[in-house]
Amino acid sequence: MEASREGAKDIRVTTSRHYDQAKLVDTQTVGVFVRSVGEKSAIGFSGFSFGATGGSASEVIQSRISALLIQRGLDVLDAGDIERLATDEEADKPTERIIIRLAQKAGAQLVVLGIAESGSVMKFGLFGVGAGSESGIVSATVKFVDAETGRPVAMLSADYKEPKSANEVIDQIAPFIGRIMKGEARNIQEKQKSLL
């Protein structure tokens, strides 16, 4: 995959050699699944889960991505649509591979997988005034996967020095998601390269 930057310095768009602009533009049905993870720890990240997809941040991002895709005229399958096809074992611990397979079984041509990582930053003030911590999303990744092949075709990632709310994150990444779905990911990469 090849990474680059454009406009928002915190956002990178990457495409793989499997990126097929025409196929992406012709997509009619998309499965969307977003999860939240806590701060990085020695144990690692939590896995995907159905139902409440990890808390309010992931629910906000998932619903906003779904709304954006619906506005583009696409049929959107959400976590609930995908979960209905899962066996008990799959529903207990769904992996990325299981989610992609179930989304494809549900009729998705493309699967959009998102991860929002939460974190906090300590604020230090003069003599304790203004001190405290600020929590929010410190990174977000949106992966576009061809449901038929299971191969990633494009990815958008955003890393923030200061935590952001779910709405701030989606407001920043939504234009990039729209352009990726229009088949413009390679154009974004070219512009980002020229800014480096």
N, C-alpha and C. Protein backbone atom coordinates (compact mmCIF):
# COMPACT_ATOMS: atom_id res chain seq x y z
N MET A 1 0.84 -1.18 0.00
CA MET A 1 0.00 0.00 0.00
C MET A 1 0.89 1.24 0.00
N GLU A 2 0.37 2.27 -0.55
CA GLU A 2 1.12 3.50 -0.72
C GLU A 2 0.40 4.62 0.04
N ALA A 3 1.12 5.32 0.91
CA ALA A 3 0.49 6.35 1.75
C ALA A 3 0.87 7.74 1.30
N SER A 4 0.03 8.71 1.60
CA SER A 4 0.30 10.10 1.28
C SER A 4 -0.61 11.01 2.08
N ARG A 5 -0.44 12.36 1.93
CA ARG A 5 -1.20 13.32 2.73
C ARG A 5 -1.82 14.40 1.84
N GLU A 6 -2.94 14.97 2.31
CA GLU A 6 -3.56 16.10 1.63
C GLU A 6 -4.31 16.94 2.65
N GLY A 7 -4.22 18.25 2.53
CA GLY A 7 -5.04 19.15 3.35
C GLY A 7 -4.88 18.95 4.83
N ALA A 8 -5.73 18.16 5.45
CA ALA A 8 -5.65 17.92 6.88
C ALA A 8 -4.40 17.11 7.16
N LYS A 9 -3.45 17.72 7.85
CA LYS A 9 -2.15 17.09 8.04
C LYS A 9 -2.22 15.80 8.84
N ASP A 10 -3.30 15.59 9.58
CA ASP A 10 -3.42 14.41 10.41
C ASP A 10 -4.00 13.21 9.66
N ILE A 11 -4.38 13.37 8.39
CA ILE A 11 -5.09 12.32 7.66
C ILE A 11 -4.24 11.79 6.51
N ARG A 12 -4.19 10.45 6.40
CA ARG A 12 -3.47 9.79 5.31
C ARG A 12 -4.43 8.89 4.55
N VAL A 13 -4.31 8.87 3.25
CA VAL A 13 -5.10 7.97 2.40
C VAL A 13 -4.11 7.02 1.73
N THR A 14 -4.45 5.73 1.77
CA THR A 14 -3.58 4.69 1.23
C THR A 14 -4.41 3.82 0.29
N THR A 15 -3.81 3.44 -0.84
CA THR A 15 -4.47 2.48 -1.72
C THR A 15 -3.56 1.27 -1.89
N SER A 16 -4.18 0.13 -2.17
CA SER A 16 -3.39 -1.08 -2.40
C SER A 16 -3.30 -1.33 -3.90
N ARG A 17 -2.51 -2.29 -4.25
CA ARG A 17 -2.40 -2.63 -5.68
C ARG A 17 -3.71 -3.25 -6.19
N HIS A 18 -4.60 -3.62 -5.27
CA HIS A 18 -5.90 -4.19 -5.63
C HIS A 18 -6.96 -3.11 -5.84
N TYR A 19 -6.55 -1.85 -5.74
CA TYR A 19 -7.49 -0.73 -5.90
C TYR A 19 -8.01 -0.72 -7.32
N ASP A 20 -9.32 -0.83 -7.47
CA ASP A 20 -9.96 -0.83 -8.78
C ASP A 20 -10.99 0.30 -8.79
N GLN A 21 -10.62 1.41 -9.40
CA GLN A 21 -11.45 2.61 -9.40
C GLN A 21 -12.84 2.33 -9.96
N ALA A 22 -12.92 1.64 -11.07
CA ALA A 22 -14.22 1.37 -11.70
C ALA A 22 -15.10 0.51 -10.80
N LYS A 23 -14.52 -0.51 -10.18
CA LYS A 23 -15.29 -1.39 -9.30
C LYS A 23 -15.81 -0.62 -8.09
N LEU A 24 -14.98 0.26 -7.55
CA LEU A 24 -15.38 1.06 -6.39
C LEU A 24 -16.54 1.98 -6.75
N VAL A 25 -16.44 2.62 -7.90
CA VAL A 25 -17.49 3.54 -8.35
C VAL A 25 -18.79 2.79 -8.62
N ASP A 26 -18.70 1.54 -9.10
CA ASP A 26 -19.89 0.74 -9.42
C ASP A 26 -20.52 0.06 -8.20
N THR A 27 -19.92 0.19 -7.05
CA THR A 27 -20.44 -0.45 -5.83
C THR A 27 -21.86 0.03 -5.54
N GLN A 28 -22.73 -0.91 -5.20
CA GLN A 28 -24.12 -0.59 -4.87
C GLN A 28 -24.45 -0.83 -3.40
N THR A 29 -23.83 -1.86 -2.80
CA THR A 29 -24.14 -2.23 -1.41
C THR A 29 -22.87 -2.28 -0.59
N VAL A 30 -22.93 -1.62 0.56
CA VAL A 30 -21.76 -1.50 1.43
C VAL A 30 -22.13 -1.95 2.84
N GLY A 31 -21.28 -2.77 3.44
CA GLY A 31 -21.42 -3.12 4.85
C GLY A 31 -20.55 -2.18 5.67
N VAL A 32 -21.08 -1.61 6.74
CA VAL A 32 -20.33 -0.67 7.57
C VAL A 32 -20.26 -1.21 8.99
N PHE A 33 -19.07 -1.29 9.52
CA PHE A 33 -18.88 -1.79 10.88
C PHE A 33 -17.76 -0.99 11.55
N VAL A 34 -18.07 -0.30 12.65
CA VAL A 34 -17.10 0.54 13.35
C VAL A 34 -17.03 0.08 14.80
N ARG A 35 -15.85 0.03 15.36
CA ARG A 35 -15.68 -0.30 16.77
C ARG A 35 -14.78 0.71 17.44
N SER A 36 -14.90 0.79 18.76
CA SER A 36 -14.01 1.64 19.56
C SER A 36 -13.08 0.75 20.34
N VAL A 37 -11.88 1.21 20.54
CA VAL A 37 -10.95 0.52 21.41
C VAL A 37 -10.45 1.50 22.44
N GLY A 38 -10.07 0.99 23.60
CA GLY A 38 -9.53 1.84 24.65
C GLY A 38 -8.11 2.22 24.33
N GLU A 39 -7.45 2.78 25.29
CA GLU A 39 -6.07 3.16 25.09
C GLU A 39 -5.23 1.92 24.87
N LYS A 40 -4.13 2.07 24.14
CA LYS A 40 -3.23 0.95 23.92
C LYS A 40 -2.70 0.49 25.27
N SER A 41 -2.57 -0.82 25.42
CA SER A 41 -2.04 -1.36 26.66
C SER A 41 -1.20 -2.58 26.35
N ALA A 42 -0.58 -3.13 27.36
CA ALA A 42 0.24 -4.32 27.17
C ALA A 42 -0.59 -5.49 26.67
N ILE A 43 -1.87 -5.50 26.99
CA ILE A 43 -2.74 -6.60 26.58
C ILE A 43 -3.11 -6.47 25.11
N GLY A 44 -3.14 -5.29 24.57
CA GLY A 44 -3.51 -5.08 23.18
C GLY A 44 -4.91 -4.52 23.08
N PHE A 45 -5.52 -4.61 21.91
CA PHE A 45 -6.83 -4.04 21.66
C PHE A 45 -7.92 -5.06 21.91
N SER A 46 -9.09 -4.58 22.22
CA SER A 46 -10.24 -5.47 22.32
C SER A 46 -10.67 -5.85 20.90
N GLY A 47 -11.43 -6.92 20.77
CA GLY A 47 -11.85 -7.36 19.45
C GLY A 47 -13.12 -6.68 18.99
N PHE A 48 -13.60 -7.05 17.82
CA PHE A 48 -14.87 -6.55 17.33
C PHE A 48 -15.97 -7.13 18.20
N SER A 49 -17.09 -6.46 18.26
CA SER A 49 -18.25 -7.03 18.95
C SER A 49 -19.50 -6.54 18.25
N PHE A 50 -20.55 -7.36 18.28
CA PHE A 50 -21.82 -6.97 17.69
C PHE A 50 -22.64 -6.22 18.72
N GLY A 51 -23.85 -5.80 18.33
CA GLY A 51 -24.71 -5.07 19.25
C GLY A 51 -24.22 -3.65 19.37
N ALA A 52 -24.05 -3.17 20.59
CA ALA A 52 -23.46 -1.85 20.80
C ALA A 52 -22.02 -2.00 20.35
N THR A 53 -21.64 -1.33 19.30
CA THR A 53 -20.36 -1.58 18.65
C THR A 53 -19.20 -0.90 19.35
N GLY A 54 -19.23 -0.84 20.66
CA GLY A 54 -18.08 -0.35 21.38
C GLY A 54 -18.31 0.99 22.04
N GLY A 55 -19.48 1.53 22.02
CA GLY A 55 -19.72 2.78 22.72
C GLY A 55 -20.17 3.89 21.80
N SER A 56 -20.42 5.02 22.39
CA SER A 56 -21.03 6.11 21.66
C SER A 56 -20.15 6.66 20.54
N ALA A 57 -18.83 6.71 20.73
CA ALA A 57 -17.96 7.24 19.66
C ALA A 57 -18.09 6.39 18.40
N SER A 58 -18.02 5.08 18.55
CA SER A 58 -18.12 4.22 17.37
C SER A 58 -19.53 4.28 16.77
N GLU A 59 -20.55 4.40 17.61
CA GLU A 59 -21.92 4.50 17.09
C GLU A 59 -22.11 5.78 16.29
N VAL A 60 -21.55 6.89 16.78
CA VAL A 60 -21.64 8.16 16.04
C VAL A 60 -20.92 8.05 14.70
N ILE A 61 -19.71 7.52 14.72
CA ILE A 61 -18.94 7.40 13.49
C ILE A 61 -19.62 6.45 12.51
N GLN A 62 -20.11 5.30 13.02
CA GLN A 62 -20.78 4.35 12.14
C GLN A 62 -22.03 4.97 11.51
N SER A 63 -22.83 5.66 12.30
CA SER A 63 -24.06 6.23 11.74
C SER A 63 -23.75 7.35 10.76
N ARG A 64 -22.71 8.14 11.03
CA ARG A 64 -22.36 9.23 10.10
C ARG A 64 -21.78 8.69 8.80
N ILE A 65 -20.94 7.64 8.88
CA ILE A 65 -20.42 7.03 7.65
C ILE A 65 -21.57 6.42 6.86
N SER A 66 -22.47 5.72 7.55
CA SER A 66 -23.64 5.12 6.87
C SER A 66 -24.47 6.19 6.19
N ALA A 67 -24.72 7.30 6.89
CA ALA A 67 -25.51 8.39 6.31
C ALA A 67 -24.83 8.97 5.07
N LEU A 68 -23.51 9.13 5.14
CA LEU A 68 -22.76 9.65 4.00
C LEU A 68 -22.90 8.72 2.79
N LEU A 69 -22.81 7.41 3.01
CA LEU A 69 -22.92 6.45 1.91
C LEU A 69 -24.35 6.38 1.37
N ILE A 70 -25.34 6.49 2.26
CA ILE A 70 -26.74 6.50 1.81
C ILE A 70 -27.01 7.74 0.96
N GLN A 71 -26.43 8.89 1.36
CA GLN A 71 -26.59 10.11 0.57
C GLN A 71 -26.01 9.94 -0.83
N ARG A 72 -25.01 9.08 -0.96
CA ARG A 72 -24.41 8.81 -2.27
C ARG A 72 -25.24 7.81 -3.07
N GLY A 73 -26.39 7.35 -2.49
CA GLY A 73 -27.26 6.44 -3.20
C GLY A 73 -26.93 4.97 -3.00
N LEU A 74 -26.13 4.64 -2.02
CA LEU A 74 -25.74 3.25 -1.79
C LEU A 74 -26.66 2.59 -0.77
N ASP A 75 -26.82 1.28 -0.90
CA ASP A 75 -27.51 0.49 0.12
C ASP A 75 -26.48 0.18 1.19
N VAL A 76 -26.84 0.41 2.45
CA VAL A 76 -25.89 0.22 3.54
C VAL A 76 -26.40 -0.85 4.49
N LEU A 77 -25.52 -1.81 4.78
CA LEU A 77 -25.78 -2.84 5.78
C LEU A 77 -25.01 -2.45 7.03
N ASP A 78 -25.68 -2.42 8.17
CA ASP A 78 -24.96 -2.06 9.40
C ASP A 78 -24.66 -3.32 10.21
N ALA A 79 -24.08 -3.13 11.40
CA ALA A 79 -23.68 -4.26 12.23
C ALA A 79 -24.86 -5.19 12.53
N GLY A 80 -26.04 -4.63 12.73
CA GLY A 80 -27.22 -5.45 13.01
C GLY A 80 -27.58 -6.36 11.84
N ASP A 81 -27.49 -5.84 10.62
CA ASP A 81 -27.77 -6.63 9.42
C ASP A 81 -26.78 -7.79 9.30
N ILE A 82 -25.53 -7.51 9.62
CA ILE A 82 -24.47 -8.52 9.52
C ILE A 82 -24.62 -9.54 10.64
N GLU A 83 -24.94 -9.06 11.85
CA GLU A 83 -25.05 -9.95 13.01
C GLU A 83 -26.13 -11.01 12.82
N ARG A 84 -27.21 -10.67 12.17
CA ARG A 84 -28.30 -11.63 11.97
C ARG A 84 -27.86 -12.89 11.23
N LEU A 85 -26.80 -12.80 10.46
CA LEU A 85 -26.31 -13.96 9.70
C LEU A 85 -25.27 -14.76 10.46
N ALA A 86 -24.83 -14.27 11.61
CA ALA A 86 -23.76 -14.91 12.36
C ALA A 86 -24.26 -16.10 13.18
N THR A 87 -23.43 -17.13 13.25
CA THR A 87 -23.71 -18.24 14.16
C THR A 87 -23.41 -17.74 15.58
N ASP A 88 -23.80 -18.49 16.58
CA ASP A 88 -23.51 -18.10 17.97
C ASP A 88 -22.01 -17.92 18.18
N GLU A 89 -21.23 -18.84 17.63
CA GLU A 89 -19.77 -18.77 17.78
C GLU A 89 -19.21 -17.51 17.11
N GLU A 90 -19.68 -17.21 15.91
CA GLU A 90 -19.22 -16.02 15.20
C GLU A 90 -19.64 -14.75 15.93
N ALA A 91 -20.85 -14.75 16.47
CA ALA A 91 -21.36 -13.57 17.17
C ALA A 91 -20.61 -13.32 18.47
N ASP A 92 -20.12 -14.38 19.11
CA ASP A 92 -19.39 -14.23 20.37
C ASP A 92 -18.06 -13.52 20.18
N LYS A 93 -17.37 -13.81 19.10
CA LYS A 93 -16.06 -13.21 18.89
C LYS A 93 -15.81 -12.98 17.40
N PRO A 94 -16.52 -12.02 16.82
CA PRO A 94 -16.36 -11.81 15.37
C PRO A 94 -15.00 -11.18 15.04
N THR A 95 -14.31 -11.77 14.11
CA THR A 95 -13.05 -11.21 13.63
C THR A 95 -13.33 -10.40 12.37
N GLU A 96 -12.33 -9.69 11.92
CA GLU A 96 -12.47 -8.92 10.68
C GLU A 96 -12.85 -9.85 9.53
N ARG A 97 -12.21 -11.00 9.44
CA ARG A 97 -12.48 -11.95 8.37
C ARG A 97 -13.94 -12.43 8.41
N ILE A 98 -14.45 -12.71 9.62
CA ILE A 98 -15.84 -13.16 9.76
C ILE A 98 -16.80 -12.04 9.34
N ILE A 99 -16.52 -10.82 9.76
CA ILE A 99 -17.39 -9.69 9.40
C ILE A 99 -17.44 -9.51 7.89
N ILE A 100 -16.29 -9.59 7.23
CA ILE A 100 -16.24 -9.44 5.77
C ILE A 100 -17.04 -10.56 5.10
N ARG A 101 -16.85 -11.79 5.55
CA ARG A 101 -17.57 -12.93 4.96
C ARG A 101 -19.08 -12.78 5.16
N LEU A 102 -19.50 -12.38 6.37
CA LEU A 102 -20.93 -12.22 6.64
C LEU A 102 -21.52 -11.06 5.83
N ALA A 103 -20.77 -9.97 5.69
CA ALA A 103 -21.24 -8.83 4.90
C ALA A 103 -21.40 -9.24 3.44
N GLN A 104 -20.46 -10.02 2.93
CA GLN A 104 -20.55 -10.50 1.55
C GLN A 104 -21.77 -11.41 1.40
N LYS A 105 -22.00 -12.26 2.39
CA LYS A 105 -23.15 -13.15 2.38
C LYS A 105 -24.46 -12.34 2.39
N ALA A 106 -24.44 -11.17 3.04
CA ALA A 106 -25.61 -10.31 3.11
C ALA A 106 -25.80 -9.47 1.84
N GLY A 107 -24.84 -9.57 0.91
CA GLY A 107 -24.98 -8.87 -0.36
C GLY A 107 -24.07 -7.67 -0.53
N ALA A 108 -23.18 -7.41 0.43
CA ALA A 108 -22.27 -6.27 0.30
C ALA A 108 -21.18 -6.56 -0.73
N GLN A 109 -20.88 -5.55 -1.53
CA GLN A 109 -19.77 -5.63 -2.47
C GLN A 109 -18.51 -5.05 -1.85
N LEU A 110 -18.71 -4.14 -0.91
CA LEU A 110 -17.62 -3.46 -0.24
C LEU A 110 -17.93 -3.45 1.25
N VAL A 111 -16.90 -3.61 2.07
CA VAL A 111 -17.07 -3.54 3.51
C VAL A 111 -16.20 -2.39 4.01
N VAL A 112 -16.80 -1.52 4.81
CA VAL A 112 -16.08 -0.40 5.41
C VAL A 112 -15.92 -0.74 6.89
N LEU A 113 -14.66 -0.96 7.29
CA LEU A 113 -14.36 -1.29 8.68
C LEU A 113 -13.68 -0.10 9.32
N GLY A 114 -14.19 0.33 10.45
CA GLY A 114 -13.61 1.48 11.14
C GLY A 114 -13.20 1.14 12.54
N ILE A 115 -12.14 1.78 13.00
CA ILE A 115 -11.67 1.64 14.38
C ILE A 115 -11.40 3.03 14.91
N ALA A 116 -11.99 3.35 16.04
CA ALA A 116 -11.74 4.63 16.72
C ALA A 116 -11.03 4.31 18.03
N GLU A 117 -9.83 4.82 18.19
CA GLU A 117 -9.07 4.56 19.42
C GLU A 117 -9.16 5.76 20.35
N SER A 118 -9.58 5.49 21.58
CA SER A 118 -9.71 6.54 22.58
C SER A 118 -8.40 6.72 23.34
N GLY A 119 -8.24 7.90 23.88
CA GLY A 119 -7.07 8.19 24.69
C GLY A 119 -7.29 9.48 25.46
N SER A 120 -6.32 9.85 26.23
CA SER A 120 -6.42 11.10 26.99
C SER A 120 -5.07 11.78 27.04
N VAL A 121 -5.11 13.08 27.25
CA VAL A 121 -3.91 13.90 27.34
C VAL A 121 -3.98 14.65 28.66
N MET A 122 -2.91 14.62 29.42
CA MET A 122 -2.85 15.36 30.68
C MET A 122 -2.56 16.82 30.38
N LYS A 123 -3.30 17.69 31.01
CA LYS A 123 -3.09 19.14 30.88
C LYS A 123 -2.49 19.65 32.19
N PHE A 124 -1.44 20.41 32.07
CA PHE A 124 -0.81 20.97 33.26
C PHE A 124 -1.01 22.48 33.26
N GLY A 125 -1.45 23.01 34.36
CA GLY A 125 -1.69 24.44 34.45
C GLY A 125 -0.73 25.08 35.45
N LEU A 126 -0.73 26.36 35.51
CA LEU A 126 0.11 27.11 36.43
C LEU A 126 -0.48 26.99 37.83
N PHE A 127 0.28 26.43 38.74
CA PHE A 127 -0.17 26.20 40.12
C PHE A 127 -1.46 25.38 40.17
N GLY A 128 -1.61 24.47 39.23
CA GLY A 128 -2.76 23.59 39.22
C GLY A 128 -3.99 24.14 38.52
N VAL A 129 -4.00 25.43 38.19
CA VAL A 129 -5.15 26.01 37.50
C VAL A 129 -5.13 25.56 36.04
N GLY A 130 -6.22 24.98 35.58
CA GLY A 130 -6.29 24.50 34.19
C GLY A 130 -5.75 23.09 34.03
N ALA A 131 -5.33 22.47 35.14
CA ALA A 131 -4.80 21.11 35.07
C ALA A 131 -5.95 20.11 34.95
N GLY A 132 -5.65 18.95 34.43
CA GLY A 132 -6.64 17.89 34.29
C GLY A 132 -6.33 17.06 33.07
N SER A 133 -7.26 16.27 32.65
CA SER A 133 -7.05 15.47 31.45
C SER A 133 -8.20 15.70 30.48
N GLU A 134 -7.87 15.54 29.22
CA GLU A 134 -8.85 15.68 28.14
C GLU A 134 -8.91 14.34 27.43
N SER A 135 -10.10 13.77 27.30
CA SER A 135 -10.27 12.47 26.66
C SER A 135 -11.02 12.60 25.35
N GLY A 136 -10.81 11.64 24.48
CA GLY A 136 -11.50 11.62 23.19
C GLY A 136 -10.82 10.63 22.26
N ILE A 137 -11.07 10.79 20.99
CA ILE A 137 -10.48 9.91 19.98
C ILE A 137 -9.10 10.44 19.61
N VAL A 138 -8.10 9.56 19.68
CA VAL A 138 -6.74 9.96 19.34
C VAL A 138 -6.30 9.39 17.98
N SER A 139 -7.02 8.37 17.49
CA SER A 139 -6.76 7.89 16.14
C SER A 139 -8.00 7.19 15.60
N ALA A 140 -8.13 7.24 14.29
CA ALA A 140 -9.26 6.58 13.61
C ALA A 140 -8.74 6.00 12.31
N THR A 141 -9.21 4.81 12.00
CA THR A 141 -8.83 4.14 10.76
C THR A 141 -10.10 3.64 10.09
N VAL A 142 -10.21 3.88 8.79
CA VAL A 142 -11.34 3.39 8.01
C VAL A 142 -10.75 2.60 6.85
N LYS A 143 -11.06 1.31 6.83
CA LYS A 143 -10.52 0.42 5.79
C LYS A 143 -11.65 0.02 4.84
N PHE A 144 -11.40 0.10 3.56
CA PHE A 144 -12.35 -0.28 2.51
C PHE A 144 -11.89 -1.63 1.96
N VAL A 145 -12.73 -2.67 2.12
CA VAL A 145 -12.35 -4.03 1.76
C VAL A 145 -13.31 -4.56 0.69
N ASP A 146 -12.75 -5.13 -0.37
CA ASP A 146 -13.54 -5.79 -1.41
C ASP A 146 -14.15 -7.03 -0.77
N ALA A 147 -15.48 -7.09 -0.67
CA ALA A 147 -16.15 -8.20 0.02
C ALA A 147 -15.94 -9.53 -0.71
N GLU A 148 -15.81 -9.49 -2.02
CA GLU A 148 -15.65 -10.72 -2.80
C GLU A 148 -14.29 -11.37 -2.56
N THR A 149 -13.24 -10.56 -2.55
CA THR A 149 -11.88 -11.09 -2.41
C THR A 149 -11.36 -11.03 -0.99
N GLY A 150 -11.95 -10.17 -0.16
CA GLY A 150 -11.44 -9.98 1.20
C GLY A 150 -10.20 -9.12 1.27
N ARG A 151 -9.83 -8.52 0.15
CA ARG A 151 -8.61 -7.71 0.09
C ARG A 151 -8.92 -6.23 0.34
N PRO A 152 -8.08 -5.58 1.14
CA PRO A 152 -8.26 -4.13 1.32
C PRO A 152 -7.93 -3.40 0.02
N VAL A 153 -8.74 -2.41 -0.33
CA VAL A 153 -8.48 -1.65 -1.55
C VAL A 153 -8.03 -0.23 -1.23
N ALA A 154 -8.47 0.30 -0.10
CA ALA A 154 -8.07 1.65 0.30
C ALA A 154 -8.21 1.76 1.82
N MET A 155 -7.47 2.70 2.38
CA MET A 155 -7.54 2.92 3.82
C MET A 155 -7.31 4.39 4.10
N LEU A 156 -8.03 4.88 5.08
CA LEU A 156 -7.89 6.26 5.53
C LEU A 156 -7.52 6.18 7.00
N SER A 157 -6.49 6.91 7.42
CA SER A 157 -6.14 6.91 8.84
C SER A 157 -5.88 8.33 9.30
N ALA A 158 -6.27 8.59 10.54
CA ALA A 158 -6.10 9.91 11.13
C ALA A 158 -5.54 9.74 12.54
N ASP A 159 -4.48 10.46 12.83
CA ASP A 159 -3.87 10.45 14.16
C ASP A 159 -3.86 11.87 14.68
N TYR A 160 -4.24 12.03 15.93
CA TYR A 160 -4.38 13.36 16.51
C TYR A 160 -3.50 13.52 17.75
N LYS A 161 -2.86 14.67 17.86
CA LYS A 161 -2.06 14.97 19.06
C LYS A 161 -2.98 15.29 20.23
N GLU A 162 -4.09 15.93 19.96
CA GLU A 162 -5.09 16.27 20.97
C GLU A 162 -6.34 15.43 20.71
N PRO A 163 -6.94 14.86 21.76
CA PRO A 163 -8.15 14.05 21.57
C PRO A 163 -9.27 14.86 20.90
N LYS A 164 -10.04 14.18 20.06
CA LYS A 164 -11.15 14.80 19.33
C LYS A 164 -12.46 14.09 19.67
N SER A 165 -13.56 14.78 19.50
CA SER A 165 -14.87 14.13 19.66
C SER A 165 -15.15 13.33 18.39
N ALA A 166 -16.10 12.39 18.49
CA ALA A 166 -16.47 11.59 17.33
C ALA A 166 -16.96 12.47 16.19
N ASN A 167 -17.72 13.52 16.50
CA ASN A 167 -18.21 14.42 15.45
C ASN A 167 -17.08 15.19 14.79
N GLU A 168 -16.07 15.62 15.57
CA GLU A 168 -14.92 16.31 14.97
C GLU A 168 -14.17 15.39 14.02
N VAL A 169 -14.00 14.14 14.44
CA VAL A 169 -13.28 13.17 13.60
C VAL A 169 -14.04 12.94 12.30
N ILE A 170 -15.33 12.66 12.39
CA ILE A 170 -16.09 12.36 11.17
C ILE A 170 -16.19 13.59 10.27
N ASP A 171 -16.27 14.78 10.85
CA ASP A 171 -16.30 16.00 10.03
C ASP A 171 -15.02 16.13 9.22
N GLN A 172 -13.89 15.70 9.79
CA GLN A 172 -12.62 15.79 9.07
C GLN A 172 -12.44 14.69 8.03
N ILE A 173 -12.91 13.48 8.33
CA ILE A 173 -12.65 12.38 7.40
C ILE A 173 -13.75 12.18 6.36
N ALA A 174 -14.94 12.72 6.59
CA ALA A 174 -16.06 12.52 5.65
C ALA A 174 -15.73 12.93 4.21
N PRO A 175 -15.09 14.10 3.98
CA PRO A 175 -14.78 14.45 2.59
C PRO A 175 -13.86 13.43 1.91
N PHE A 176 -12.95 12.85 2.69
CA PHE A 176 -12.04 11.85 2.12
C PHE A 176 -12.78 10.55 1.80
N ILE A 177 -13.72 10.15 2.67
CA ILE A 177 -14.52 8.96 2.40
C ILE A 177 -15.32 9.16 1.12
N GLY A 178 -15.93 10.33 0.97
CA GLY A 178 -16.69 10.63 -0.24
C GLY A 178 -15.84 10.54 -1.49
N ARG A 179 -14.64 11.08 -1.40
CA ARG A 179 -13.75 11.06 -2.58
C ARG A 179 -13.24 9.65 -2.87
N ILE A 180 -12.99 8.86 -1.84
CA ILE A 180 -12.57 7.47 -2.06
C ILE A 180 -13.69 6.72 -2.76
N MET A 181 -14.93 6.92 -2.31
CA MET A 181 -16.06 6.22 -2.93
C MET A 181 -16.33 6.70 -4.35
N LYS A 182 -15.89 7.89 -4.70
CA LYS A 182 -16.03 8.38 -6.08
C LYS A 182 -14.90 7.84 -6.95
N GLY A 183 -13.97 7.10 -6.36
CA GLY A 183 -12.85 6.56 -7.12
C GLY A 183 -11.69 7.53 -7.23
N GLU A 184 -11.60 8.49 -6.33
CA GLU A 184 -10.57 9.53 -6.42
C GLU A 184 -9.41 9.32 -5.45
N ALA A 185 -9.26 8.13 -4.88
CA ALA A 185 -8.20 7.90 -3.90
C ALA A 185 -6.81 8.17 -4.47
N ARG A 186 -6.58 7.75 -5.70
CA ARG A 186 -5.25 7.96 -6.30
C ARG A 186 -5.00 9.46 -6.53
N ASN A 187 -6.06 10.22 -6.87
CA ASN A 187 -5.92 11.67 -7.02
C ASN A 187 -5.53 12.31 -5.70
N ILE A 188 -6.14 11.85 -4.60
CA ILE A 188 -5.80 12.37 -3.28
C ILE A 188 -4.34 12.10 -2.99
N GLN A 189 -3.89 10.88 -3.30
CA GLN A 189 -2.49 10.53 -3.05
C GLN A 189 -1.53 11.43 -3.82
N GLU A 190 -1.83 11.70 -5.08
CA GLU A 190 -0.95 12.55 -5.87
C GLU A 190 -0.84 13.95 -5.26
N LYS A 191 -1.98 14.51 -4.84
CA LYS A 191 -1.95 15.84 -4.23
C LYS A 191 -1.19 15.81 -2.91
N GLN A 192 -1.38 14.74 -2.12
CA GLN A 192 -0.68 14.65 -0.84
C GLN A 192 0.83 14.54 -1.04
N LYS A 193 1.25 13.79 -2.04
CA LYS A 193 2.68 13.67 -2.33
C LYS A 193 3.29 15.02 -2.66
N SER A 194 2.57 15.83 -3.40
CA SER A 194 3.10 17.12 -3.80
C SER A 194 3.22 18.08 -2.62
N LEU A 195 2.46 17.81 -1.52
CA LEU A 195 2.53 18.67 -0.35
C LEU A 195 3.64 18.28 0.60
N LEU A 196 4.23 17.08 0.41
CA LEU A 196 5.28 16.61 1.32
C LEU A 196 6.60 17.32 1.08
